[in-house]
């Protein structure tokens, strides 16, 4: 199954899919509003601002599976992200990324190994997956990798110049 074929919903509840981003490099990130890593929203927004015109977008995927750190409604999440961090990138609906109710998107993504060759479950909030403009997973970055870390920026730039 192509990642483009998996049905998704926007944070506002509208049907969508990754096909809407075909031709763009996409950084998919499971996000949370009440996590110690939440300040990563600032770096994610800077990436969005820096690379959007070159065919890139961050795509936030709220998840409440790690310490109940994303308890809010869709409206609360949107308000928090825009007022606290100035988030302009799209957000999807809140989903499960692990376990028996894992969303099909994350069934596909978690098969991808990280830089050390380790695949499997999402370990915490702010795990990042880089998709090529063709919708292929080309990188997996663990939660503590800052959005503007050299290895992540280099991976994004490689997709934008490919």
Protein backbone atom coordinates (compact mmCIF):
# COMPACT_ATOMS: atom_id res chain seq x y z
CA UNK A 1 0.00 0.00 0.00
CA UNK A 2 1.25 3.46 -0.88
CA UNK A 3 1.32 6.03 1.89
CA UNK A 4 -0.69 8.22 -0.49
CA UNK A 5 -3.61 5.74 -0.37
CA UNK A 6 -4.13 5.79 3.41
CA UNK A 7 -7.25 7.77 4.39
CA UNK A 8 -6.56 10.56 6.88
CA UNK A 9 -8.44 13.50 8.39
CA UNK A 10 -7.32 17.04 9.04
CA UNK A 11 -7.45 18.34 12.60
CA UNK A 12 -10.72 19.99 11.56
CA UNK A 13 -12.17 16.60 10.57
CA UNK A 14 -12.00 16.98 6.78
CA UNK A 15 -11.00 13.89 4.77
CA UNK A 16 -7.51 14.06 3.28
CA UNK A 17 -4.52 11.86 2.47
CA UNK A 18 -0.82 12.24 1.92
CA UNK A 19 -1.61 12.41 -1.80
CA UNK A 20 -2.46 16.06 -1.09
CA UNK A 21 1.29 16.55 -0.52
CA UNK A 22 2.51 14.63 -3.57
CA UNK A 23 5.53 16.42 -5.03
CA UNK A 24 6.55 17.85 -1.64
CA UNK A 25 9.03 16.61 0.91
CA UNK A 26 7.05 16.04 4.11
CA UNK A 27 8.27 15.81 7.71
CA UNK A 28 5.61 13.85 9.61
CA UNK A 29 5.84 14.36 13.38
CA UNK A 30 3.68 12.94 16.17
CA UNK A 31 3.15 15.98 18.38
CA UNK A 32 1.86 16.79 21.88
CA UNK A 33 1.06 20.04 23.65
CA UNK A 34 2.10 19.13 27.20
CA UNK A 35 5.40 17.32 26.67
CA UNK A 36 8.92 18.26 27.68
CA UNK A 37 9.72 18.17 23.95
CA UNK A 38 6.83 20.51 23.01
CA UNK A 39 9.26 23.43 22.43
CA UNK A 40 10.30 21.52 19.28
CA UNK A 41 7.24 23.18 17.72
CA UNK A 42 9.42 26.31 17.37
CA UNK A 43 12.06 24.49 15.32
CA UNK A 44 9.41 22.72 13.25
CA UNK A 45 7.80 26.07 12.42
CA UNK A 46 11.21 27.54 11.45
CA UNK A 47 11.73 24.59 9.07
CA UNK A 48 8.27 25.23 7.62
CA UNK A 49 9.08 28.90 7.07
CA UNK A 50 12.54 28.23 5.66
CA UNK A 51 11.65 25.47 3.19
CA UNK A 52 7.95 25.82 2.29
CA UNK A 53 8.64 27.75 -0.90
CA UNK A 54 10.99 24.97 -2.03
CA UNK A 55 8.32 22.26 -1.83
CA UNK A 56 8.43 21.18 1.82
CA UNK A 57 5.92 20.93 4.64
CA UNK A 58 5.85 19.78 8.22
CA UNK A 59 2.76 17.71 9.01
CA UNK A 60 1.86 17.43 12.69
CA UNK A 61 0.03 14.36 13.97
CA UNK A 62 -1.29 14.86 17.51
CA UNK A 63 -1.13 11.77 19.74
CA UNK A 64 -2.17 11.27 23.36
CA UNK A 65 -0.47 7.89 23.90
CA UNK A 66 2.59 9.09 25.78
CA UNK A 67 1.80 10.20 29.30
CA UNK A 68 -1.54 11.71 28.25
CA UNK A 69 0.36 14.73 26.95
CA UNK A 70 -2.14 15.66 24.21
CA UNK A 71 -5.48 15.61 26.05
CA UNK A 72 -7.14 18.52 24.23
CA UNK A 73 -9.88 18.68 21.65
CA UNK A 74 -9.08 19.53 18.04
CA UNK A 75 -9.95 23.18 18.72
CA UNK A 76 -7.76 23.30 21.83
CA UNK A 77 -4.83 21.75 19.97
CA UNK A 78 -5.17 24.20 17.07
CA UNK A 79 -5.43 27.20 19.41
CA UNK A 80 -2.44 26.09 21.49
CA UNK A 81 -0.24 25.48 18.43
CA UNK A 82 -1.09 28.75 16.69
CA UNK A 83 -1.05 31.05 19.72
CA UNK A 84 1.89 29.52 21.61
CA UNK A 85 4.20 28.58 18.74
CA UNK A 86 2.79 30.35 15.69
CA UNK A 87 2.32 27.03 13.93
CA UNK A 88 1.33 27.51 10.30
CA UNK A 89 1.91 23.94 9.09
CA UNK A 90 -1.01 21.52 8.75
CA UNK A 91 -2.13 19.29 11.60
CA UNK A 92 -3.98 16.00 11.25
CA UNK A 93 -6.54 14.53 13.62
CA UNK A 94 -5.37 12.99 16.88
CA UNK A 95 -4.54 9.30 16.33
CA UNK A 96 -2.83 6.32 17.96
CA UNK A 97 0.67 5.62 16.69
CA UNK A 98 1.24 2.38 18.65
CA UNK A 99 -0.78 -0.56 19.93
CA UNK A 100 -3.86 -2.39 18.71
CA UNK A 101 -5.57 0.84 17.57
CA UNK A 102 -2.47 2.05 15.67
CA UNK A 103 -3.50 4.11 12.66
CA UNK A 104 -2.65 2.44 9.30
CA UNK A 105 -0.31 5.37 8.53
CA UNK A 106 1.85 4.43 11.50
CA UNK A 107 1.64 0.73 10.67
CA UNK A 108 3.55 1.65 7.52
CA UNK A 109 5.85 4.26 9.08
CA UNK A 110 7.01 2.13 12.02
CA UNK A 111 8.38 -0.48 9.60
CA UNK A 112 11.07 2.09 8.72
CA UNK A 113 14.37 1.81 10.59
CA UNK A 114 16.15 4.79 12.10
CA UNK A 115 19.84 5.64 11.54
CA UNK A 116 20.90 2.78 13.84
CA UNK A 117 18.78 0.26 11.90
CA UNK A 118 16.05 0.03 14.54
CA UNK A 119 12.42 -0.10 13.39
CA UNK A 120 9.29 -0.68 15.45
CA UNK A 121 7.09 1.30 17.81
CA UNK A 122 7.20 5.06 18.20
CA UNK A 123 9.22 5.70 21.36
CA UNK A 124 7.76 9.08 22.44
CA UNK A 125 6.27 12.34 21.19
CA UNK A 126 8.07 14.20 18.38
CA UNK A 127 9.39 11.19 16.46
CA UNK A 128 9.95 12.35 12.88
CA UNK A 129 9.63 10.68 9.48
CA UNK A 130 10.89 12.35 6.32
CA UNK A 131 9.03 11.53 3.11
CA UNK A 132 10.41 12.15 -0.35
CA UNK A 133 8.37 14.14 -2.90
CA UNK A 134 7.33 10.70 -4.25
CA UNK A 135 5.89 9.66 -0.89
CA UNK A 136 8.67 7.27 0.15
CA UNK A 137 10.00 7.22 3.70
CA UNK A 138 13.62 8.32 3.43
CA UNK A 139 14.46 8.99 7.07
CA UNK A 140 13.39 8.33 10.64
CA UNK A 141 14.55 10.57 13.45
CA UNK A 142 13.94 9.79 17.10
CA UNK A 143 12.17 12.25 19.45
CA UNK A 144 15.28 13.87 20.92
CA UNK A 145 16.57 14.81 17.46
CA UNK A 146 15.90 18.53 17.31
CA UNK A 147 14.09 19.73 14.18
CA UNK A 148 17.08 21.85 13.15
CA UNK A 149 19.70 19.18 13.88
CA UNK A 150 22.32 19.09 11.09
CA UNK A 151 21.47 15.52 10.07
CA UNK A 152 17.75 16.33 9.73
CA UNK A 153 18.32 19.58 7.84
CA UNK A 154 20.74 17.79 5.49
CA UNK A 155 18.15 15.07 4.84
CA UNK A 156 15.48 17.68 4.05
CA UNK A 157 17.79 19.60 1.74
CA UNK A 158 18.73 16.38 -0.07
CA UNK A 159 15.04 15.78 -0.83
CA UNK A 160 14.54 19.35 -2.04
CA UNK A 161 17.46 19.14 -4.44
CA UNK A 162 16.67 15.63 -5.70
